[in-house]
Amino acid sequence: MYAYAYLIGCGILAIFWFIVYSARRDLRQEMLWASFAGMPFGVLDYFLVPRYWHPDSLFGFIDKFGMGIESFLFLFFMSGLCSVVY
């Protein structure tokens, strides 16, 4: 039931990210800048995720490396949304 929950959560964030991105043309530059600036922090999942959660991920990267594609996608969408929703 919880297979790929992390990826599904990223998909939900992506929907909201694209809605805000398409609706607010004046905030696109700030949103993209913040999204790319926050994305490298996906490396923090290496230190945090293995201790409390073992989610399924694309290609099994979380099991192999401690971080996955979903980590970077989550931070991309979340930092972009947080930077413009005020």
C-alpha atoms as a PDB file:
ATOM      1  CA  MET A   1       0.000   0.000   0.000  1.00  0.00           C
ATOM      2  CA  TYR A   2       2.834   2.385   0.790  1.00  0.00           C
ATOM      3  CA  ALA A   3       5.010   1.450  -2.151  1.00  0.00           C
ATOM      4  CA  TYR A   4       6.480   4.531  -3.741  1.00  0.00           C
ATOM      5  CA  ALA A   5       4.802   6.860  -1.226  1.00  0.00           C
ATOM      6  CA  TYR A   6       7.753   9.244  -1.483  1.00  0.00           C
ATOM      7  CA  LEU A   7       7.355   9.457  -5.273  1.00  0.00           C
ATOM      8  CA  ILE A   8       3.594   9.978  -4.997  1.00  0.00           C
ATOM      9  CA  GLY A   9       4.181  12.797  -2.501  1.00  0.00           C
ATOM     10  CA  CYS A  10       6.617  14.404  -4.935  1.00  0.00           C
ATOM     11  CA  GLY A  11       4.003  14.122  -7.673  1.00  0.00           C
ATOM     12  CA  ILE A  12       1.446  15.928  -5.532  1.00  0.00           C
ATOM     13  CA  LEU A  13       3.954  18.693  -4.799  1.00  0.00           C
ATOM     14  CA  ALA A  14       4.757  18.891  -8.516  1.00  0.00           C
ATOM     15  CA  ILE A  15       1.111  19.566  -9.326  1.00  0.00           C
ATOM     16  CA  PHE A  16       0.987  22.499  -6.910  1.00  0.00           C
ATOM     17  CA  TRP A  17       4.382  23.731  -8.110  1.00  0.00           C
ATOM     18  CA  PHE A  18       3.211  23.787 -11.752  1.00  0.00           C
ATOM     19  CA  ILE A  19      -0.062  25.506 -10.800  1.00  0.00           C
ATOM     20  CA  VAL A  20       1.772  28.319  -9.022  1.00  0.00           C
ATOM     21  CA  TYR A  21       4.431  28.497 -11.741  1.00  0.00           C
ATOM     22  CA  SER A  22       1.860  28.848 -14.518  1.00  0.00           C
ATOM     23  CA  ALA A  23      -0.416  31.235 -12.617  1.00  0.00           C
ATOM     24  CA  ARG A  24       2.193  33.722 -11.402  1.00  0.00           C
ATOM     25  CA  ARG A  25       4.442  34.833 -14.227  1.00  0.00           C
ATOM     26  CA  ASP A  26       5.985  37.531 -12.045  1.00  0.00           C
ATOM     27  CA  LEU A  27       7.362  34.938  -9.601  1.00  0.00           C
ATOM     28  CA  ARG A  28       8.797  32.445 -12.069  1.00  0.00           C
ATOM     29  CA  GLN A  29      12.393  33.597 -11.795  1.00  0.00           C
ATOM     30  CA  GLU A  30      12.382  33.525  -7.982  1.00  0.00           C
ATOM     31  CA  MET A  31      10.642  30.170  -7.967  1.00  0.00           C
ATOM     32  CA  LEU A  32      13.142  28.551 -10.317  1.00  0.00           C
ATOM     33  CA  TRP A  33      16.101  30.067  -8.492  1.00  0.00           C
ATOM     34  CA  ALA A  34      14.889  28.815  -5.107  1.00  0.00           C
ATOM     35  CA  SER A  35      14.009  25.395  -6.529  1.00  0.00           C
ATOM     36  CA  PHE A  36      17.488  24.831  -7.925  1.00  0.00           C
ATOM     37  CA  ALA A  37      19.123  26.306  -4.806  1.00  0.00           C
ATOM     38  CA  GLY A  38      17.235  23.899  -2.539  1.00  0.00           C
ATOM     39  CA  MET A  39      17.704  20.811  -4.663  1.00  0.00           C
ATOM     40  CA  PRO A  40      21.283  19.961  -3.528  1.00  0.00           C
ATOM     41  CA  PHE A  41      20.046  19.571   0.040  1.00  0.00           C
ATOM     42  CA  GLY A  42      18.628  16.212  -1.028  1.00  0.00           C
ATOM     43  CA  VAL A  43      21.980  14.845   0.105  1.00  0.00           C
ATOM     44  CA  LEU A  44      20.759  15.308   3.693  1.00  0.00           C
ATOM     45  CA  ASP A  45      18.528  12.287   3.219  1.00  0.00           C
ATOM     46  CA  TYR A  46      21.685  10.201   3.427  1.00  0.00           C
ATOM     47  CA  PHE A  47      21.915  11.171   7.095  1.00  0.00           C
ATOM     48  CA  LEU A  48      18.209  11.292   7.969  1.00  0.00           C
ATOM     49  CA  VAL A  49      16.158   8.723   6.059  1.00  0.00           C
ATOM     50  CA  PRO A  50      17.940   5.471   6.962  1.00  0.00           C
ATOM     51  CA  ARG A  51      17.341   6.056  10.661  1.00  0.00           C
ATOM     52  CA  TYR A  52      13.568   6.283  10.643  1.00  0.00           C
ATOM     53  CA  TRP A  53      12.090   5.292   7.289  1.00  0.00           C
ATOM     54  CA  HIS A  54      12.928   2.875   4.488  1.00  0.00           C
ATOM     55  CA  PRO A  55      10.740   3.986   1.585  1.00  0.00           C
ATOM     56  CA  ASP A  56      10.648   2.299  -1.795  1.00  0.00           C
ATOM     57  CA  SER A  57      12.309   4.457  -4.401  1.00  0.00           C
ATOM     58  CA  LEU A  58      12.909   4.502  -8.111  1.00  0.00           C
ATOM     59  CA  PHE A  59      15.703   2.121  -9.059  1.00  0.00           C
ATOM     60  CA  GLY A  60      16.308   1.335  -5.345  1.00  0.00           C
ATOM     61  CA  PHE A  61      18.714   4.249  -4.891  1.00  0.00           C
ATOM     62  CA  ILE A  62      17.659   4.904  -1.284  1.00  0.00           C
ATOM     63  CA  ASP A  63      18.602   1.347  -0.330  1.00  0.00           C
ATOM     64  CA  LYS A  64      21.926   1.522  -2.184  1.00  0.00           C
ATOM     65  CA  PHE A  65      23.069   5.097  -1.541  1.00  0.00           C
ATOM     66  CA  GLY A  66      20.864   6.426   1.265  1.00  0.00           C
ATOM     67  CA  MET A  67      19.301   9.017  -1.025  1.00  0.00           C
ATOM     68  CA  GLY A  68      17.205   8.782  -4.134  1.00  0.00           C
ATOM     69  CA  ILE A  69      15.829  10.789  -7.009  1.00  0.00           C
ATOM     70  CA  GLU A  70      12.768  11.509  -4.895  1.00  0.00           C
ATOM     71  CA  SER A  71      14.906  13.310  -2.313  1.00  0.00           C
ATOM     72  CA  PHE A  72      16.053  15.852  -4.865  1.00  0.00           C
ATOM     73  CA  LEU A  73      12.621  16.184  -6.483  1.00  0.00           C
ATOM     74  CA  PHE A  74      10.974  16.772  -3.102  1.00  0.00           C
ATOM     75  CA  LEU A  75      13.387  19.553  -2.212  1.00  0.00           C
ATOM     76  CA  PHE A  76      13.155  21.077  -5.698  1.00  0.00           C
ATOM     77  CA  PHE A  77       9.377  21.405  -5.514  1.00  0.00           C
ATOM     78  CA  MET A  78       9.181  22.252  -1.809  1.00  0.00           C
ATOM     79  CA  SER A  79      11.798  25.008  -1.876  1.00  0.00           C
ATOM     80  CA  GLY A  80      10.218  26.541  -4.972  1.00  0.00           C
ATOM     81  CA  LEU A  81       6.787  26.588  -3.360  1.00  0.00           C
ATOM     82  CA  CYS A  82       8.040  27.874  -0.024  1.00  0.00           C
ATOM     83  CA  SER A  83       9.899  30.728  -1.678  1.00  0.00           C
ATOM     84  CA  VAL A  84       6.807  32.231  -3.309  1.00  0.00           C
ATOM     85  CA  VAL A  85       3.911  31.296  -1.031  1.00  0.00           C
ATOM     86  CA  TYR A  86       3.895  34.141   1.469  1.00  0.00           C
END
